[in-house]
PDB file of N, CA and C in Angstrom:
ATOM      1  N   MET A   1     122.189-171.552 187.946  1.00  0.00           N
ATOM      2  CA  MET A   1     123.586-171.962 187.983  1.00  0.00           C
ATOM      3  C   MET A   1     124.173-171.903 186.530  1.00  0.00           C
ATOM      4  N   PRO A   2     125.196-171.109 186.370  1.00  0.00           N
ATOM      5  CA  PRO A   2     125.830-170.990 185.050  1.00  0.00           C
ATOM      6  C   PRO A   2     126.326-172.347 184.543  1.00  0.00           C
ATOM      7  N   ILE A   3     126.407-172.372 183.237  1.00  0.00           N
ATOM      8  CA  ILE A   3     126.845-173.635 182.526  1.00  0.00           C
ATOM      9  C   ILE A   3     128.363-173.758 182.699  1.00  0.00           C
ATOM     10  N   GLU A   4     128.789-175.004 182.875  1.00  0.00           N
ATOM     11  CA  GLU A   4     130.224-175.290 183.080  1.00  0.00           C
ATOM     12  C   GLU A   4     130.804-175.948 181.815  1.00  0.00           C
ATOM     13  N   ASN A   5     129.947-176.524 180.991  1.00  0.00           N
ATOM     14  CA  ASN A   5     130.360-177.212 179.785  1.00  0.00           C
ATOM     15  C   ASN A   5     130.768-176.302 178.652  1.00  0.00           C
ATOM     16  N   ASP A   6     131.697-176.759 177.831  1.00  0.00           N
ATOM     17  CA  ASP A   6     132.126-176.007 176.669  1.00  0.00           C
ATOM     18  C   ASP A   6     130.914-176.037 175.649  1.00  0.00           C
ATOM     19  N   PRO A   7     130.866-175.028 174.809  1.00  0.00           N
ATOM     20  CA  PRO A   7     129.744-175.051 173.778  1.00  0.00           C
ATOM     21  C   PRO A   7     130.101-176.170 172.714  1.00  0.00           C
ATOM     22  N   VAL A   8     129.029-176.841 172.269  1.00  0.00           N
ATOM     23  CA  VAL A   8     129.114-177.905 171.307  1.00  0.00           C
ATOM     24  C   VAL A   8     128.316-177.460 170.080  1.00  0.00           C
ATOM     25  N   VAL A   9     129.035-177.494 168.930  1.00  0.00           N
ATOM     26  CA  VAL A   9     128.302-177.150 167.704  1.00  0.00           C
ATOM     27  C   VAL A   9     127.224-178.136 167.360  1.00  0.00           C
ATOM     28  N   ALA A  10     126.101-177.655 166.979  1.00  0.00           N
ATOM     29  CA  ALA A  10     124.881-178.408 166.587  1.00  0.00           C
ATOM     30  C   ALA A  10     124.070-178.868 167.799  1.00  0.00           C
ATOM     31  N   GLN A  11     124.493-178.583 169.022  1.00  0.00           N
ATOM     32  CA  GLN A  11     123.750-178.911 170.190  1.00  0.00           C
ATOM     33  C   GLN A  11     122.738-177.826 170.483  1.00  0.00           C
ATOM     34  N   TRP A  12     121.495-178.251 170.922  1.00  0.00           N
ATOM     35  CA  TRP A  12     120.481-177.322 171.275  1.00  0.00           C
ATOM     36  C   TRP A  12     120.463-177.153 172.773  1.00  0.00           C
ATOM     37  N   TYR A  13     120.136-175.919 173.195  1.00  0.00           N
ATOM     38  CA  TYR A  13     120.070-175.523 174.642  1.00  0.00           C
ATOM     39  C   TYR A  13     118.812-174.829 174.853  1.00  0.00           C
ATOM     40  N   ARG A  14     118.424-174.767 176.177  1.00  0.00           N
ATOM     41  CA  ARG A  14     117.284-173.961 176.639  1.00  0.00           C
ATOM     42  C   ARG A  14     117.710-173.071 177.758  1.00  0.00           C
ATOM     43  N   HIS A  15     117.413-171.828 177.630  1.00  0.00           N
ATOM     44  CA  HIS A  15     117.753-170.847 178.689  1.00  0.00           C
ATOM     45  C   HIS A  15     116.764-171.090 179.867  1.00  0.00           C
ATOM     46  N   LEU A  16     117.306-171.299 180.997  1.00  0.00           N
ATOM     47  CA  LEU A  16     116.506-171.718 182.160  1.00  0.00           C
ATOM     48  C   LEU A  16     115.556-170.543 182.652  1.00  0.00           C
ATOM     49  N   ASP A  17     116.018-169.322 182.544  1.00  0.00           N
ATOM     50  CA  ASP A  17     115.130-168.237 183.020  1.00  0.00           C
ATOM     51  C   ASP A  17     114.184-167.787 181.975  1.00  0.00           C
ATOM     52  N   LYS A  18     114.592-167.682 180.755  1.00  0.00           N
ATOM     53  CA  LYS A  18     113.782-167.108 179.680  1.00  0.00           C
ATOM     54  C   LYS A  18     112.995-168.154 178.906  1.00  0.00           C
ATOM     55  N   GLY A  19     113.459-169.395 178.896  1.00  0.00           N
ATOM     56  CA  GLY A  19     112.811-170.420 178.248  1.00  0.00           C
ATOM     57  C   GLY A  19     113.065-170.579 176.727  1.00  0.00           C
ATOM     58  N   TYR A  20     113.785-169.627 176.152  1.00  0.00           N
ATOM     59  CA  TYR A  20     114.012-169.714 174.683  1.00  0.00           C
ATOM     60  C   TYR A  20     115.009-170.781 174.360  1.00  0.00           C
ATOM     61  N   ARG A  21     114.882-171.370 173.198  1.00  0.00           N
ATOM     62  CA  ARG A  21     115.723-172.384 172.704  1.00  0.00           C
ATOM     63  C   ARG A  21     116.704-171.924 171.610  1.00  0.00           C
ATOM     64  N   PHE A  22     117.906-172.448 171.546  1.00  0.00           N
ATOM     65  CA  PHE A  22     118.824-172.118 170.540  1.00  0.00           C
ATOM     66  C   PHE A  22     119.817-173.246 170.247  1.00  0.00           C
ATOM     67  N   GLN A  23     120.497-173.096 169.152  1.00  0.00           N
ATOM     68  CA  GLN A  23     121.492-174.070 168.746  1.00  0.00           C
ATOM     69  C   GLN A  23     122.845-173.415 168.516  1.00  0.00           C
ATOM     70  N   ILE A  24     123.870-174.075 168.816  1.00  0.00           N
ATOM     71  CA  ILE A  24     125.258-173.529 168.593  1.00  0.00           C
ATOM     72  C   ILE A  24     125.549-173.776 167.059  1.00  0.00           C
ATOM     73  N   THR A  25     125.884-172.709 166.380  1.00  0.00           N
ATOM     74  CA  THR A  25     126.184-172.878 164.985  1.00  0.00           C
ATOM     75  C   THR A  25     127.681-172.864 164.698  1.00  0.00           C
ATOM     76  N   SER A  26     128.488-172.188 165.611  1.00  0.00           N
ATOM     77  CA  SER A  26     129.935-172.287 165.416  1.00  0.00           C
ATOM     78  C   SER A  26     130.592-171.781 166.723  1.00  0.00           C
ATOM     79  N   VAL A  27     131.847-172.175 166.907  1.00  0.00           N
ATOM     80  CA  VAL A  27     132.667-171.796 168.070  1.00  0.00           C
ATOM     81  C   VAL A  27     134.025-171.365 167.490  1.00  0.00           C
ATOM     82  N   ASP A  28     134.488-170.195 167.807  1.00  0.00           N
ATOM     83  CA  ASP A  28     135.771-169.692 167.383  1.00  0.00           C
ATOM     84  C   ASP A  28     136.679-169.501 168.587  1.00  0.00           C
ATOM     85  N   GLN A  29     137.489-170.427 168.850  1.00  0.00           N
ATOM     86  CA  GLN A  29     138.377-170.441 170.015  1.00  0.00           C
ATOM     87  C   GLN A  29     139.403-169.303 169.911  1.00  0.00           C
ATOM     88  N   ILE A  30     139.826-168.950 168.726  1.00  0.00           N
ATOM     89  CA  ILE A  30     140.840-167.886 168.522  1.00  0.00           C
ATOM     90  C   ILE A  30     140.217-166.547 168.911  1.00  0.00           C
ATOM     91  N   GLU A  31     138.984-166.309 168.352  1.00  0.00           N
ATOM     92  CA  GLU A  31     138.363-164.994 168.594  1.00  0.00           C
ATOM     93  C   GLU A  31     137.646-165.066 169.944  1.00  0.00           C
ATOM     94  N   GLY A  32     137.405-166.276 170.499  1.00  0.00           N
ATOM     95  CA  GLY A  32     136.721-166.330 171.796  1.00  0.00           C
ATOM     96  C   GLY A  32     135.233-166.093 171.716  1.00  0.00           C
ATOM     97  N   THR A  33     134.598-166.567 170.605  1.00  0.00           N
ATOM     98  CA  THR A  33     133.177-166.288 170.415  1.00  0.00           C
ATOM     99  C   THR A  33     132.421-167.589 170.131  1.00  0.00           C
ATOM    100  N   VAL A  34     131.151-167.483 170.449  1.00  0.00           N
ATOM    101  CA  VAL A  34     130.176-168.574 170.191  1.00  0.00           C
ATOM    102  C   VAL A  34     128.984-167.963 169.370  1.00  0.00           C
ATOM    103  N   ASP A  35     128.726-168.595 168.193  1.00  0.00           N
ATOM    104  CA  ASP A  35     127.564-168.158 167.372  1.00  0.00           C
ATOM    105  C   ASP A  35     126.425-169.078 167.635  1.00  0.00           C
ATOM    106  N   ILE A  36     125.281-168.447 167.953  1.00  0.00           N
ATOM    107  CA  ILE A  36     124.043-169.245 168.256  1.00  0.00           C
ATOM    108  C   ILE A  36     122.954-168.775 167.266  1.00  0.00           C
ATOM    109  N   GLN A  37     122.011-169.702 167.048  1.00  0.00           N
ATOM    110  CA  GLN A  37     120.813-169.370 166.237  1.00  0.00           C
ATOM    111  C   GLN A  37     119.648-169.721 167.148  1.00  0.00           C
ATOM    112  N   HIS A  38     118.802-168.741 167.415  1.00  0.00           N
ATOM    113  CA  HIS A  38     117.539-169.026 168.140  1.00  0.00           C
ATOM    114  C   HIS A  38     116.571-169.721 167.333  1.00  0.00           C
ATOM    115  N   PHE A  39     115.617-170.400 167.903  1.00  0.00           N
ATOM    116  CA  PHE A  39     114.576-171.177 167.225  1.00  0.00           C
ATOM    117  C   PHE A  39     113.839-170.283 166.290  1.00  0.00           C
ATOM    118  N   ASP A  40     113.660-168.971 166.610  1.00  0.00           N
ATOM    119  CA  ASP A  40     112.899-168.101 165.713  1.00  0.00           C
ATOM    120  C   ASP A  40     113.734-167.624 164.556  1.00  0.00           C
ATOM    121  N   GLY A  41     114.961-168.033 164.462  1.00  0.00           N
ATOM    122  CA  GLY A  41     115.906-167.676 163.350  1.00  0.00           C
ATOM    123  C   GLY A  41     116.892-166.566 163.628  1.00  0.00           C
ATOM    124  N   ASP A  42     116.726-165.857 164.739  1.00  0.00           N
ATOM    125  CA  ASP A  42     117.662-164.832 165.024  1.00  0.00           C
ATOM    126  C   ASP A  42     119.026-165.421 165.389  1.00  0.00           C
ATOM    127  N   VAL A  43     120.111-164.696 164.862  1.00  0.00           N
ATOM    128  CA  VAL A  43     121.486-165.154 165.029  1.00  0.00           C
ATOM    129  C   VAL A  43     122.150-164.192 166.045  1.00  0.00           C
ATOM    130  N   GLU A  44     122.980-164.757 166.848  1.00  0.00           N
ATOM    131  CA  GLU A  44     123.665-163.951 167.914  1.00  0.00           C
ATOM    132  C   GLU A  44     125.037-164.395 168.093  1.00  0.00           C
ATOM    133  N   GLU A  45     125.952-163.504 168.464  1.00  0.00           N
ATOM    134  CA  GLU A  45     127.314-163.938 168.811  1.00  0.00           C
ATOM    135  C   GLU A  45     127.580-163.530 170.284  1.00  0.00           C
ATOM    136  N   LEU A  46     128.137-164.506 170.957  1.00  0.00           N
ATOM    137  CA  LEU A  46     128.426-164.274 172.358  1.00  0.00           C
ATOM    138  C   LEU A  46     129.958-164.469 172.625  1.00  0.00           C
ATOM    139  N   ASP A  47     130.503-163.770 173.566  1.00  0.00           N
ATOM    140  CA  ASP A  47     131.858-164.003 173.997  1.00  0.00           C
ATOM    141  C   ASP A  47     131.887-165.271 174.879  1.00  0.00           C
ATOM    142  N   LEU A  48     132.976-165.974 174.791  1.00  0.00           N
ATOM    143  CA  LEU A  48     133.081-167.190 175.596  1.00  0.00           C
ATOM    144  C   LEU A  48     132.824-166.930 177.083  1.00  0.00           C
ATOM    145  N   ASP A  49     133.332-165.776 177.559  1.00  0.00           N
ATOM    146  CA  ASP A  49     133.036-165.429 179.008  1.00  0.00           C
ATOM    147  C   ASP A  49     131.576-165.309 179.236  1.00  0.00           C
ATOM    148  N   ASP A  50     130.833-164.716 178.310  1.00  0.00           N
ATOM    149  CA  ASP A  50     129.355-164.655 178.476  1.00  0.00           C
ATOM    150  C   ASP A  50     128.719-166.029 178.436  1.00  0.00           C
ATOM    151  N   TRP A  51     129.189-166.929 177.590  1.00  0.00           N
ATOM    152  CA  TRP A  51     128.714-168.231 177.449  1.00  0.00           C
ATOM    153  C   TRP A  51     128.701-168.948 178.857  1.00  0.00           C
ATOM    154  N   TYR A  52     129.862-168.904 179.485  1.00  0.00           N
ATOM    155  CA  TYR A  52     129.967-169.602 180.750  1.00  0.00           C
ATOM    156  C   TYR A  52     129.112-168.988 181.849  1.00  0.00           C
ATOM    157  N   GLY A  53     128.620-167.755 181.601  1.00  0.00           N
ATOM    158  CA  GLY A  53     127.699-167.098 182.596  1.00  0.00           C
ATOM    159  C   GLY A  53     126.223-167.420 182.393  1.00  0.00           C
ATOM    160  N   LEU A  54     125.925-168.062 181.276  1.00  0.00           N
ATOM    161  CA  LEU A  54     124.520-168.353 180.938  1.00  0.00           C
ATOM    162  C   LEU A  54     123.931-169.454 181.837  1.00  0.00           C
ATOM    163  N   GLU A  55     122.662-169.299 182.156  1.00  0.00           N
ATOM    164  CA  GLU A  55     121.971-170.340 182.910  1.00  0.00           C
ATOM    165  C   GLU A  55     121.155-171.115 181.848  1.00  0.00           C
ATOM    166  N   ILE A  56     121.730-172.151 181.346  1.00  0.00           N
ATOM    167  CA  ILE A  56     121.152-172.959 180.246  1.00  0.00           C
ATOM    168  C   ILE A  56     121.336-174.418 180.567  1.00  0.00           C
ATOM    169  N   GLU A  57     120.595-175.278 179.814  1.00  0.00           N
ATOM    170  CA  GLU A  57     120.799-176.713 179.842  1.00  0.00           C
ATOM    171  C   GLU A  57     120.689-177.259 178.456  1.00  0.00           C
ATOM    172  N   PRO A  58     121.487-178.339 178.161  1.00  0.00           N
ATOM    173  CA  PRO A  58     121.347-178.986 176.833  1.00  0.00           C
ATOM    174  C   PRO A  58     119.952-179.691 176.723  1.00  0.00           C
ATOM    175  N   ILE A  59     119.420-179.644 175.570  1.00  0.00           N
ATOM    176  CA  ILE A  59     118.117-180.259 175.294  1.00  0.00           C
ATOM    177  C   ILE A  59     118.159-181.073 174.020  1.00  0.00           C
ATOM    178  N   GLU A  60     117.160-181.842 173.829  1.00  0.00           N
ATOM    179  CA  GLU A  60     117.030-182.592 172.524  1.00  0.00           C
ATOM    180  C   GLU A  60     116.573-181.630 171.460  1.00  0.00           C
ATOM    181  N   PRO A  61     116.928-181.780 170.193  1.00  0.00           N
ATOM    182  CA  PRO A  61     116.485-180.841 169.148  1.00  0.00           C
ATOM    183  C   PRO A  61     114.956-180.793 169.129  1.00  0.00           C
ATOM    184  N   PRO A  62     114.372-179.627 168.841  1.00  0.00           N
ATOM    185  CA  PRO A  62     112.924-179.564 168.783  1.00  0.00           C
ATOM    186  C   PRO A  62     112.429-180.503 167.679  1.00  0.00           C
ATOM    187  N   GLU A  63     111.134-180.863 167.791  1.00  0.00           N
ATOM    188  CA  GLU A  63     110.577-181.803 166.846  1.00  0.00           C
ATOM    189  C   GLU A  63     110.698-181.278 165.393  1.00  0.00           C
ATOM    190  N   ASP A  64     110.422-179.979 165.222  1.00  0.00           N
ATOM    191  CA  ASP A  64     110.665-179.340 163.872  1.00  0.00           C
ATOM    192  C   ASP A  64     111.825-178.422 164.000  1.00  0.00           C
ATOM    193  N   TRP A  65     113.087-179.047 164.011  1.00  0.00           N
ATOM    194  CA  TRP A  65     114.248-178.292 164.215  1.00  0.00           C
ATOM    195  C   TRP A  65     114.610-177.417 162.992  1.00  0.00           C
ATOM    196  N   THR A  66     113.908-177.594 161.852  1.00  0.00           N
ATOM    197  CA  THR A  66     114.183-176.865 160.597  1.00  0.00           C
ATOM    198  C   THR A  66     113.535-175.479 160.707  1.00  0.00           C
ATOM    199  N   GLY A  67     112.761-175.179 161.700  1.00  0.00           N
ATOM    200  CA  GLY A  67     112.064-173.857 161.791  1.00  0.00           C
ATOM    201  C   GLY A  67     112.958-172.667 161.458  1.00  0.00           C
ATOM    202  N   PRO A  68     114.097-172.490 162.105  1.00  0.00           N
ATOM    203  CA  PRO A  68     114.944-171.339 161.851  1.00  0.00           C
ATOM    204  C   PRO A  68     115.785-171.427 160.629  1.00  0.00           C
ATOM    205  N   MET A  69     115.882-172.582 159.977  1.00  0.00           N
ATOM    206  CA  MET A  69     116.781-172.793 158.938  1.00  0.00           C
ATOM    207  C   MET A  69     116.179-172.398 157.514  1.00  0.00           C
ATOM    208  N   ASP A  70     116.920-171.704 156.719  1.00  0.00           N
ATOM    209  CA  ASP A  70     116.535-171.318 155.374  1.00  0.00           C
ATOM    210  C   ASP A  70     116.987-172.360 154.377  1.00  0.00           C
ATOM    211  N   GLY A  71     116.175-172.622 153.405  1.00  0.00           N
ATOM    212  CA  GLY A  71     116.510-173.456 152.241  1.00  0.00           C
ATOM    213  C   GLY A  71     116.675-174.896 152.559  1.00  0.00           C
ATOM    214  N   VAL A  72     116.010-175.459 153.588  1.00  0.00           N
ATOM    215  CA  VAL A  72     116.136-176.886 153.836  1.00  0.00           C
ATOM    216  C   VAL A  72     114.976-177.560 153.038  1.00  0.00           C
ATOM    217  N   GLU A  73     115.375-178.511 152.127  1.00  0.00           N
ATOM    218  CA  GLU A  73     114.466-179.228 151.350  1.00  0.00           C
ATOM    219  C   GLU A  73     114.072-180.550 152.109  1.00  0.00           C
ATOM    220  N   PRO A  74     112.780-180.989 151.947  1.00  0.00           N
ATOM    221  CA  PRO A  74     112.450-182.226 152.649  1.00  0.00           C
ATOM    222  C   PRO A  74     113.370-183.416 152.344  1.00  0.00           C
ATOM    223  N   ASP A  75     113.835-183.460 151.121  1.00  0.00           N
ATOM    224  CA  ASP A  75     114.741-184.566 150.679  1.00  0.00           C
ATOM    225  C   ASP A  75     116.060-184.500 151.482  1.00  0.00           C
ATOM    226  N   ASP A  76     116.474-183.332 151.927  1.00  0.00           N
ATOM    227  CA  ASP A  76     117.708-183.146 152.672  1.00  0.00           C
ATOM    228  C   ASP A  76     117.642-183.740 154.078  1.00  0.00           C
ATOM    229  N   LEU A  77     116.486-183.897 154.606  1.00  0.00           N
ATOM    230  CA  LEU A  77     116.247-184.413 155.942  1.00  0.00           C
ATOM    231  C   LEU A  77     116.491-185.882 156.099  1.00  0.00           C
ATOM    232  N   GLY A  78     116.373-186.678 155.010  1.00  0.00           N
ATOM    233  CA  GLY A  78     116.638-188.048 155.097  1.00  0.00           C
ATOM    234  C   GLY A  78     115.452-188.897 155.609  1.00  0.00           C
ATOM    235  N   TYR A  79     114.287-188.323 155.695  1.00  0.00           N
ATOM    236  CA  TYR A  79     113.183-189.175 156.210  1.00  0.00           C
ATOM    237  C   TYR A  79     111.927-188.947 155.376  1.00  0.00           C
ATOM    238  N   THR A  80     112.097-188.679 154.068  1.00  0.00           N
ATOM    239  CA  THR A  80     110.872-188.627 153.259  1.00  0.00           C
ATOM    240  C   THR A  80     110.408-190.022 152.964  1.00  0.00           C
ATOM    241  N   GLU A  81     109.101-190.158 152.742  1.00  0.00           N
ATOM    242  CA  GLU A  81     108.553-191.536 152.588  1.00  0.00           C
ATOM    243  C   GLU A  81     108.496-191.851 151.097  1.00  0.00           C
ATOM    244  N   THR A  82     109.599-192.037 150.458  1.00  0.00           N
ATOM    245  CA  THR A  82     109.669-192.324 148.994  1.00  0.00           C
ATOM    246  C   THR A  82     109.696-193.829 148.779  1.00  0.00           C
ATOM    247  N   ASP A  83     109.731-194.632 149.695  1.00  0.00           N
ATOM    248  CA  ASP A  83     109.821-196.111 149.482  1.00  0.00           C
ATOM    249  C   ASP A  83     108.449-196.813 149.633  1.00  0.00           C
ATOM    250  N   MET A  84     107.314-196.040 149.514  1.00  0.00           N
ATOM    251  CA  MET A  84     106.054-196.657 149.541  1.00  0.00           C
ATOM    252  C   MET A  84     105.688-197.221 148.235  1.00  0.00           C
ATOM    253  N   THR A  85     104.989-198.369 148.201  1.00  0.00           N
ATOM    254  CA  THR A  85     104.462-199.014 146.983  1.00  0.00           C
ATOM    255  C   THR A  85     103.045-198.875 146.859  1.00  0.00           C
ATOM    256  N   LYS A  86     102.523-199.278 145.665  1.00  0.00           N
ATOM    257  CA  LYS A  86     101.077-199.147 145.503  1.00  0.00           C
ATOM    258  C   LYS A  86     100.311-200.028 146.451  1.00  0.00           C
ATOM    259  N   SER A  87     100.837-201.214 146.824  1.00  0.00           N
ATOM    260  CA  SER A  87     100.137-202.081 147.797  1.00  0.00           C
ATOM    261  C   SER A  87     100.116-201.434 149.157  1.00  0.00           C
ATOM    262  N   ASP A  88     101.121-200.545 149.509  1.00  0.00           N
ATOM    263  CA  ASP A  88     101.074-199.904 150.794  1.00  0.00           C
ATOM    264  C   ASP A  88      99.824-198.985 150.891  1.00  0.00           C
ATOM    265  N   TRP A  89      99.501-198.362 149.861  1.00  0.00           N
ATOM    266  CA  TRP A  89      98.384-197.426 149.799  1.00  0.00           C
ATOM    267  C   TRP A  89      96.990-198.167 149.902  1.00  0.00           C
ATOM    268  N   ASN A  90      96.988-199.399 149.403  1.00  0.00           N
ATOM    269  CA  ASN A  90      95.785-200.169 149.471  1.00  0.00           C
ATOM    270  C   ASN A  90      95.567-201.011 150.700  1.00  0.00           C
ATOM    271  N   GLU A  91      96.628-201.140 151.451  1.00  0.00           N
ATOM    272  CA  GLU A  91      96.590-202.016 152.655  1.00  0.00           C
ATOM    273  C   GLU A  91      95.509-201.594 153.636  1.00  0.00           C
ATOM    274  N   PRO A  92      95.319-200.429 154.091  1.00  0.00           N
ATOM    275  CA  PRO A  92      94.295-200.117 155.005  1.00  0.00           C
ATOM    276  C   PRO A  92      92.896-200.460 154.487  1.00  0.00           C
ATOM    277  N   LEU A  93      92.622-200.214 153.205  1.00  0.00           N
ATOM    278  CA  LEU A  93      91.350-200.562 152.620  1.00  0.00           C
ATOM    279  C   LEU A  93      91.048-202.003 152.617  1.00  0.00           C
ATOM    280  N   GLU A  94      92.153-202.780 152.283  1.00  0.00           N
ATOM    281  CA  GLU A  94      91.957-204.246 152.229  1.00  0.00           C
ATOM    282  C   GLU A  94      91.630-204.756 153.652  1.00  0.00           C
ATOM    283  N   GLU A  95      92.291-204.232 154.650  1.00  0.00           N
ATOM    284  CA  GLU A  95      92.064-204.649 156.025  1.00  0.00           C
ATOM    285  C   GLU A  95      90.641-204.317 156.479  1.00  0.00           C
ATOM    286  N   ARG A  96      90.181-203.160 156.117  1.00  0.00           N
ATOM    287  CA  ARG A  96      88.892-202.659 156.504  1.00  0.00           C
ATOM    288  C   ARG A  96      87.749-203.546 155.810  1.00  0.00           C
ATOM    289  N   GLY A  97      88.023-203.752 154.527  1.00  0.00           N
ATOM    290  CA  GLY A  97      87.073-204.614 153.745  1.00  0.00           C
ATOM    291  C   GLY A  97      86.944-205.950 154.365  1.00  0.00           C
ATOM    292  N   ALA A  98      88.037-206.565 154.728  1.00  0.00           N
ATOM    293  CA  ALA A  98      87.996-207.938 155.230  1.00  0.00           C
ATOM    294  C   ALA A  98      87.343-207.993 156.599  1.00  0.00           C
ATOM    295  N   THR A  99      87.495-206.941 157.413  1.00  0.00           N
ATOM    296  CA  THR A  99      86.855-206.988 158.741  1.00  0.00           C
ATOM    297  C   THR A  99      85.361-206.703 158.661  1.00  0.00           C
ATOM    298  N   GLU A 100      84.887-206.083 157.545  1.00  0.00           N
ATOM    299  CA  GLU A 100      83.414-205.774 157.428  1.00  0.00           C
ATOM    300  C   GLU A 100      82.702-206.835 156.669  1.00  0.00           C
ATOM    301  N   GLY A 101      83.474-207.915 156.268  1.00  0.00           N
ATOM    302  CA  GLY A 101      82.803-208.941 155.509  1.00  0.00           C
ATOM    303  C   GLY A 101      82.531-208.689 154.060  1.00  0.00           C
ATOM    304  N   THR A 102      83.367-207.818 153.489  1.00  0.00           N
ATOM    305  CA  THR A 102      83.161-207.515 152.079  1.00  0.00           C
ATOM    306  C   THR A 102      84.293-208.241 151.248  1.00  0.00           C
ATOM    307  N   GLU A 103      84.342-209.537 151.375  1.00  0.00           N
ATOM    308  CA  GLU A 103      85.292-210.271 150.681  1.00  0.00           C
ATOM    309  C   GLU A 103      84.973-210.249 149.159  1.00  0.00           C
ATOM    310  N   LYS A 104      85.987-210.423 148.384  1.00  0.00           N
ATOM    311  CA  LYS A 104      85.884-210.449 146.894  1.00  0.00           C
ATOM    312  C   LYS A 104      85.091-211.679 146.422  1.00  0.00           C
ATOM    313  N   GLU A 105      84.225-211.555 145.433  1.00  0.00           N
ATOM    314  CA  GLU A 105      83.498-212.655 144.834  1.00  0.00           C
ATOM    315  C   GLU A 105      84.505-213.490 143.982  1.00  0.00           C
ATOM    316  N   GLU A 106      84.285-214.749 143.721  1.00  0.00           N
ATOM    317  CA  GLU A 106      85.116-215.545 142.902  1.00  0.00           C
ATOM    318  C   GLU A 106      85.149-214.901 141.492  1.00  0.00           C
ATOM    319  N   GLY A 107      86.393-214.837 140.939  1.00  0.00           N
ATOM    320  CA  GLY A 107      86.500-214.285 139.618  1.00  0.00           C
ATOM    321  C   GLY A 107      86.615-212.723 139.593  1.00  0.00           C
ATOM    322  N   GLU A 108      86.384-212.065 140.702  1.00  0.00           N
ATOM    323  CA  GLU A 108      86.571-210.600 140.766  1.00  0.00           C
ATOM    324  C   GLU A 108      88.088-210.226 140.792  1.00  0.00           C
ATOM    325  N   GLU A 109      88.395-209.168 140.088  1.00  0.00           N
ATOM    326  CA  GLU A 109      89.768-208.779 140.027  1.00  0.00           C
ATOM    327  C   GLU A 109      90.100-207.778 141.211  1.00  0.00           C
ATOM    328  N   GLU A 110      91.398-207.756 141.510  1.00  0.00           N
ATOM    329  CA  GLU A 110      91.835-206.883 142.604  1.00  0.00           C
ATOM    330  C   GLU A 110      92.093-205.487 142.031  1.00  0.00           C
TER     331      GLU A 110
END
């Protein structure tokens, strides 16, 4: 069943017959075109008429949606783990030591 919804920039879709995933990168109403980028990085331009004939469904972005993107730095993604402290690194060891009965002797430094 062909899609009835208008293309939405940044939305991911899955082709029902072929299974490939792609994202809308731009829509030009004046020219009547939709630019898409496939998950493997290929870029394609479709006519709006062709868009409405596609058998696709909207999907959630892939887990690693940066796959087809060039020049994306980890810091640009907004989820780097830069807020860890030294105690965060020691926490699992301290828990393990306490459960195995290796408590610190009196006067021993941490």
